[in-house]
N, C-alpha and C. Protein backbone atom coordinates (compact mmCIF):
# COMPACT_ATOMS: atom_id res chain seq x y z
N MET A 1 17.90 -3.98 28.10
CA MET A 1 18.77 -2.79 28.65
C MET A 1 20.24 -2.92 27.76
N ASN A 2 21.16 -2.03 27.79
CA ASN A 2 22.24 -1.89 27.09
C ASN A 2 23.59 -2.12 27.76
N GLY A 3 23.39 -2.56 29.01
CA GLY A 3 24.87 -2.88 29.66
C GLY A 3 25.04 -1.54 30.58
N TYR A 4 24.43 -0.60 30.52
CA TYR A 4 24.76 0.44 31.67
C TYR A 4 23.30 0.94 32.10
N ASP A 5 22.38 0.21 32.24
CA ASP A 5 20.98 0.45 32.73
C ASP A 5 20.21 1.60 32.33
N ALA A 6 20.34 1.97 31.10
CA ALA A 6 19.85 3.02 30.35
C ALA A 6 18.56 2.48 29.73
N PRO A 7 17.35 2.84 29.92
CA PRO A 7 16.08 2.51 29.14
C PRO A 7 16.63 2.73 27.47
N THR A 8 16.13 1.83 26.81
CA THR A 8 16.62 1.85 25.20
C THR A 8 15.19 1.87 24.51
N PHE A 9 15.18 2.49 23.32
CA PHE A 9 14.25 2.46 22.37
C PHE A 9 14.59 2.06 20.68
N GLU A 10 13.92 1.36 20.20
CA GLU A 10 14.12 0.75 19.08
C GLU A 10 13.28 1.23 18.02
N ILE A 11 13.87 1.59 16.88
CA ILE A 11 13.30 2.09 15.76
C ILE A 11 13.46 1.01 14.42
N TYR A 12 12.65 0.36 14.26
CA TYR A 12 12.70 -0.61 13.14
C TYR A 12 11.74 -0.42 11.98
N CYS A 13 12.09 -1.27 10.87
CA CYS A 13 11.26 -1.39 9.74
C CYS A 13 10.73 -2.76 9.40
N ASP A 14 9.57 -2.96 9.07
CA ASP A 14 8.99 -4.12 8.65
C ASP A 14 7.89 -4.01 7.62
N ASP A 15 7.82 -2.79 7.01
CA ASP A 15 6.98 -2.23 6.38
C ASP A 15 6.61 -3.15 5.28
N SER A 16 7.33 -3.45 4.36
CA SER A 16 7.11 -4.56 3.22
C SER A 16 7.96 -6.03 3.48
N HIS A 17 8.28 -5.98 4.46
CA HIS A 17 8.98 -7.31 4.82
C HIS A 17 8.87 -7.79 6.45
N PRO A 18 7.51 -8.07 6.66
CA PRO A 18 7.29 -8.40 8.03
C PRO A 18 8.25 -9.74 8.53
N GLU A 19 8.26 -10.57 7.74
CA GLU A 19 9.21 -11.91 8.09
C GLU A 19 10.61 -11.51 8.46
N ASN A 20 11.04 -10.31 7.96
CA ASN A 20 12.29 -9.85 8.28
C ASN A 20 12.38 -8.44 8.77
N PRO A 21 12.23 -8.11 9.96
CA PRO A 21 12.18 -6.94 10.64
C PRO A 21 13.71 -6.22 10.66
N TYR A 22 14.04 -5.17 10.34
CA TYR A 22 15.27 -4.73 10.31
C TYR A 22 15.21 -3.44 11.42
N GLU A 23 16.27 -3.50 12.31
CA GLU A 23 16.58 -2.61 13.30
C GLU A 23 17.06 -1.33 12.66
N ILE A 24 16.57 -0.08 12.53
CA ILE A 24 17.41 1.04 11.99
C ILE A 24 18.10 1.69 13.04
N ALA A 25 17.58 1.96 14.03
CA ALA A 25 18.42 2.67 15.23
C ALA A 25 17.80 2.24 16.58
N ARG A 26 18.94 2.25 17.30
CA ARG A 26 18.53 2.12 18.83
C ARG A 26 19.14 3.29 19.77
N PHE A 27 17.89 3.84 20.53
CA PHE A 27 18.39 5.08 21.29
C PHE A 27 18.51 4.71 22.63
N ALA A 28 19.23 5.31 23.55
CA ALA A 28 19.38 5.25 25.02
C ALA A 28 18.97 6.37 25.74
N ARG A 29 18.17 6.39 26.92
CA ARG A 29 17.63 7.49 27.42
C ARG A 29 18.45 7.57 28.49
N LEU A 30 19.24 8.98 28.26
CA LEU A 30 20.34 9.36 29.18
C LEU A 30 19.94 10.80 29.99
N ALA A 31 20.37 11.19 30.81
CA ALA A 31 20.32 12.13 31.70
C ALA A 31 19.70 13.44 30.98
N ASP A 32 20.42 14.07 29.76
CA ASP A 32 20.07 14.95 29.02
C ASP A 32 19.27 14.66 27.66
N GLY A 33 18.50 13.59 27.52
CA GLY A 33 17.79 13.10 26.43
C GLY A 33 18.18 11.77 25.92
N TRP A 34 17.52 11.46 24.67
CA TRP A 34 17.84 10.21 23.98
C TRP A 34 19.04 10.52 23.09
N ALA A 35 19.76 9.27 23.38
CA ALA A 35 21.19 9.26 22.36
C ALA A 35 21.39 8.06 21.70
N LEU A 36 21.47 8.41 20.29
CA LEU A 36 21.75 7.14 19.28
C LEU A 36 22.84 6.23 19.85
N LEU A 37 22.49 5.01 19.96
CA LEU A 37 23.66 4.09 20.33
C LEU A 37 24.11 3.54 18.98
N ALA A 38 25.79 3.41 19.00
CA ALA A 38 26.33 2.89 18.04
C ALA A 38 25.92 1.49 17.89
N ALA A 39 25.88 0.88 16.72
CA ALA A 39 25.47 -0.55 16.53
C ALA A 39 26.21 -1.42 17.54
N TRP A 40 27.39 -1.23 17.79
CA TRP A 40 28.37 -2.21 18.65
C TRP A 40 27.86 -2.05 20.24
N GLN A 41 27.10 -0.90 20.34
CA GLN A 41 26.53 -1.03 21.76
C GLN A 41 25.30 -1.73 22.06
N HIS A 42 24.96 -2.01 21.11
CA HIS A 42 23.47 -2.96 21.37
C HIS A 42 23.64 -4.22 20.64
N ALA A 43 24.74 -4.60 20.11
CA ALA A 43 24.61 -6.06 19.34
C ALA A 43 24.46 -7.19 20.18
N ASP A 44 24.53 -6.89 21.53
CA ASP A 44 24.13 -8.35 22.29
C ASP A 44 22.77 -8.02 22.97
N VAL A 45 22.08 -7.26 22.54
CA VAL A 45 20.55 -7.19 23.12
C VAL A 45 19.68 -8.31 23.00
N GLU A 46 19.14 -8.70 23.88
CA GLU A 46 18.49 -10.08 23.49
C GLU A 46 17.45 -9.95 22.79
N GLY A 47 17.36 -10.76 21.68
CA GLY A 47 16.04 -10.79 20.73
C GLY A 47 16.51 -9.99 19.50
N VAL A 48 17.81 -9.54 19.27
CA VAL A 48 17.99 -8.74 18.11
C VAL A 48 19.03 -9.51 17.33
N SER A 49 18.33 -10.16 16.14
CA SER A 49 19.12 -10.90 15.33
C SER A 49 20.47 -10.10 14.67
N PRO A 50 21.43 -11.03 14.15
CA PRO A 50 22.77 -10.58 13.72
C PRO A 50 22.23 -9.34 12.39
N ARG A 51 21.38 -9.76 11.48
CA ARG A 51 21.19 -8.82 10.62
C ARG A 51 20.63 -7.53 10.99
N LYS A 52 19.89 -7.40 11.99
CA LYS A 52 19.71 -5.98 12.50
C LYS A 52 20.77 -5.35 13.05
N HIS A 53 21.94 -5.96 13.39
CA HIS A 53 22.97 -5.18 13.78
C HIS A 53 23.78 -4.45 12.76
N ARG A 54 23.35 -4.27 11.52
CA ARG A 54 24.10 -3.62 10.40
C ARG A 54 23.66 -2.17 10.44
N GLN A 55 23.32 -1.47 11.61
CA GLN A 55 22.96 -0.15 11.67
C GLN A 55 24.18 0.77 11.03
N ARG A 56 23.71 1.71 10.43
CA ARG A 56 24.70 2.60 9.57
C ARG A 56 25.25 3.59 10.84
N GLU A 57 26.68 3.85 10.60
CA GLU A 57 27.12 4.78 11.35
C GLU A 57 26.96 6.07 11.17
N ASP A 58 26.32 6.42 9.71
CA ASP A 58 26.08 7.86 9.46
C ASP A 58 24.54 8.37 9.43
N ILE A 59 23.97 7.53 10.36
CA ILE A 59 22.45 7.87 10.65
C ILE A 59 22.38 9.37 11.20
N ALA A 60 23.28 9.73 12.27
CA ALA A 60 22.89 11.08 12.52
C ALA A 60 24.10 12.05 11.97
N VAL A 61 23.58 13.39 11.44
CA VAL A 61 24.45 14.09 10.77
C VAL A 61 24.03 15.67 11.34
N ARG A 62 25.05 16.80 11.29
CA ARG A 62 24.66 17.90 11.37
C ARG A 62 24.28 18.63 10.32
N VAL A 63 23.39 19.48 10.37
CA VAL A 63 22.68 20.28 9.19
C VAL A 63 22.57 21.64 9.71
N LYS A 64 23.28 22.64 9.41
CA LYS A 64 23.24 23.88 10.00
C LYS A 64 22.99 23.89 11.43
N GLY A 65 24.06 23.44 12.17
CA GLY A 65 24.10 23.29 13.60
C GLY A 65 22.95 22.50 14.22
N ARG A 66 22.15 21.85 13.57
CA ARG A 66 21.03 20.81 14.13
C ARG A 66 21.37 19.41 13.83
N LYS A 67 21.25 18.59 14.85
CA LYS A 67 21.33 17.08 14.60
C LYS A 67 20.02 16.62 13.80
N ARG A 68 20.32 16.07 12.89
CA ARG A 68 19.32 15.27 12.05
C ARG A 68 19.53 13.87 11.85
N TYR A 69 18.63 12.90 12.07
CA TYR A 69 18.69 11.34 11.64
C TYR A 69 18.10 11.09 10.41
N ASN A 70 18.97 10.44 9.59
CA ASN A 70 18.32 9.79 8.30
C ASN A 70 18.11 8.18 8.58
N LEU A 71 16.79 8.00 9.15
CA LEU A 71 16.42 6.66 9.49
C LEU A 71 16.14 6.09 8.11
N ARG A 72 16.96 5.14 7.74
CA ARG A 72 16.77 4.24 6.61
C ARG A 72 16.76 3.07 6.61
N CYS A 73 15.90 2.15 6.11
CA CYS A 73 15.98 0.72 6.08
C CYS A 73 16.71 0.34 5.00
N GLU A 74 17.90 -0.38 5.37
CA GLU A 74 18.82 -1.22 4.54
C GLU A 74 18.01 -2.32 3.68
N VAL A 75 16.78 -2.78 4.00
CA VAL A 75 16.04 -3.92 3.45
C VAL A 75 15.20 -3.35 2.24
N CYS A 76 14.37 -2.26 2.62
CA CYS A 76 13.18 -2.00 1.51
C CYS A 76 13.71 -0.37 0.88
N GLY A 77 14.62 0.36 1.78
CA GLY A 77 14.94 1.74 1.21
C GLY A 77 14.03 2.77 1.91
N VAL A 78 13.06 2.49 2.58
CA VAL A 78 12.35 3.37 3.18
C VAL A 78 13.26 4.40 4.07
N THR A 79 13.03 5.59 3.78
CA THR A 79 13.80 6.47 4.53
C THR A 79 12.96 7.59 5.44
N VAL A 80 13.24 7.93 6.70
CA VAL A 80 12.50 9.15 7.45
C VAL A 80 13.47 10.03 7.82
N PRO A 81 13.74 11.02 7.17
CA PRO A 81 14.68 12.19 7.86
C PRO A 81 13.82 13.09 9.17
N VAL A 82 14.76 13.13 10.04
CA VAL A 82 13.78 13.93 11.39
C VAL A 82 14.90 14.60 12.06
N ARG A 83 14.72 15.88 12.66
CA ARG A 83 15.45 16.65 13.48
C ARG A 83 15.43 16.06 14.71
N ASP A 84 16.48 16.19 15.41
CA ASP A 84 16.67 15.60 17.13
C ASP A 84 15.53 16.19 17.64
N GLU A 85 15.32 17.71 17.76
CA GLU A 85 14.31 18.20 18.47
C GLU A 85 12.87 17.69 18.22
N ARG A 86 12.52 17.16 17.13
CA ARG A 86 11.29 16.54 16.67
C ARG A 86 11.25 14.96 17.39
N LEU A 87 12.30 14.40 17.46
CA LEU A 87 12.42 12.95 17.58
C LEU A 87 12.21 12.89 19.35
N GLN A 88 13.05 13.71 19.87
CA GLN A 88 12.90 13.69 21.42
C GLN A 88 11.50 13.40 22.05
N PRO A 89 10.62 14.20 21.78
CA PRO A 89 9.21 14.49 22.46
C PRO A 89 8.63 13.17 21.99
N ILE A 90 8.91 12.78 20.68
CA ILE A 90 8.13 11.25 20.09
C ILE A 90 8.65 10.02 21.03
N LEU A 91 9.84 9.99 21.27
CA LEU A 91 10.57 9.02 22.23
C LEU A 91 10.10 8.97 23.70
N ASP A 92 9.93 10.15 24.27
CA ASP A 92 9.62 10.68 25.48
C ASP A 92 8.18 10.28 25.80
N THR A 93 7.35 10.53 24.88
CA THR A 93 5.94 10.09 24.94
C THR A 93 5.67 8.60 24.72
N ALA A 94 6.32 7.99 23.62
CA ALA A 94 6.21 6.52 23.73
C ALA A 94 6.81 5.82 24.76
N HIS A 95 7.72 6.25 25.29
CA HIS A 95 8.47 5.69 26.37
C HIS A 95 7.75 5.73 27.90
N ALA A 96 7.11 6.72 27.98
CA ALA A 96 6.40 7.28 29.02
C ALA A 96 5.00 6.42 28.96
N ALA A 97 4.66 5.82 27.89
CA ALA A 97 3.30 5.05 27.70
C ALA A 97 3.80 3.64 27.70
N GLY A 98 5.18 3.37 28.04
CA GLY A 98 5.32 1.84 28.27
C GLY A 98 5.89 1.33 26.98
N VAL A 99 6.03 1.95 25.81
CA VAL A 99 6.42 1.59 24.33
C VAL A 99 8.05 1.48 24.13
N HIS A 100 8.61 0.35 23.63
CA HIS A 100 9.92 0.39 23.55
C HIS A 100 10.51 0.26 22.28
N SER A 101 9.48 0.06 21.30
CA SER A 101 9.91 0.25 19.82
C SER A 101 8.86 0.83 19.24
N LEU A 102 9.28 1.28 17.76
CA LEU A 102 8.18 1.84 17.06
C LEU A 102 8.51 1.70 15.56
N ALA A 103 7.81 1.10 14.65
CA ALA A 103 7.96 0.82 13.40
C ALA A 103 8.09 2.09 12.68
N LEU A 104 9.08 2.20 11.62
CA LEU A 104 9.50 3.38 11.08
C LEU A 104 8.06 4.19 10.40
N THR A 105 7.39 3.27 9.81
CA THR A 105 6.08 3.95 9.22
C THR A 105 5.14 4.58 10.18
N ALA A 106 5.11 4.10 11.32
CA ALA A 106 4.51 4.59 12.57
C ALA A 106 5.12 6.01 12.73
N HIS A 107 6.50 6.04 12.98
CA HIS A 107 7.21 6.96 13.38
C HIS A 107 6.81 8.26 12.22
N ALA A 108 6.95 7.93 11.16
CA ALA A 108 6.72 9.07 10.13
C ALA A 108 5.28 9.50 10.21
N THR A 109 4.11 8.76 10.51
CA THR A 109 3.05 9.07 10.73
C THR A 109 2.94 10.22 11.92
N ARG A 110 3.69 9.78 12.79
CA ARG A 110 3.86 10.74 14.20
C ARG A 110 4.30 11.89 13.79
N LEU A 111 5.44 11.83 12.98
CA LEU A 111 6.09 13.07 12.56
C LEU A 111 5.07 14.05 11.70
N ARG A 112 4.43 13.35 10.87
CA ARG A 112 3.52 14.29 10.06
C ARG A 112 2.42 14.73 11.00
N ARG A 113 1.71 14.15 12.04
CA ARG A 113 0.77 14.63 12.75
C ARG A 113 1.32 15.82 13.56
N SER A 114 2.51 15.77 14.10
CA SER A 114 3.21 16.72 14.82
C SER A 114 3.62 18.01 13.84
N GLY A 115 3.56 17.94 12.53
CA GLY A 115 4.09 19.11 11.64
C GLY A 115 5.41 19.12 11.31
N ALA A 116 6.23 17.93 11.65
CA ALA A 116 7.71 18.15 11.74
C ALA A 116 8.06 17.55 10.34
N MET A 117 7.32 17.08 9.48
CA MET A 117 7.49 16.54 8.13
C MET A 117 6.73 17.37 6.96
């Protein structure tokens, strides 16, 4: 949890570096959907190494009125762009299944299956 008892969901990358997983983003489930947490809001989450705290603050951008996330691994450079409206149901489904984290490459696969990429 993140200090205010909201469920959280982590997107991480370990694609070519399984010995050094990198947290790309952490989202919190709020009343109106999943919200990106700033890096400082989850710096004390148990089990998250200091290297993972380097989440970029420019992950979320607005493009033509829509919120987009540029999910980029700072270790290997793998990048997955996704619109907020496509990400929300993926996080909801995973969370409902009891999953609290998802690898970036698995996330890209789910997006392709949903037609979002």
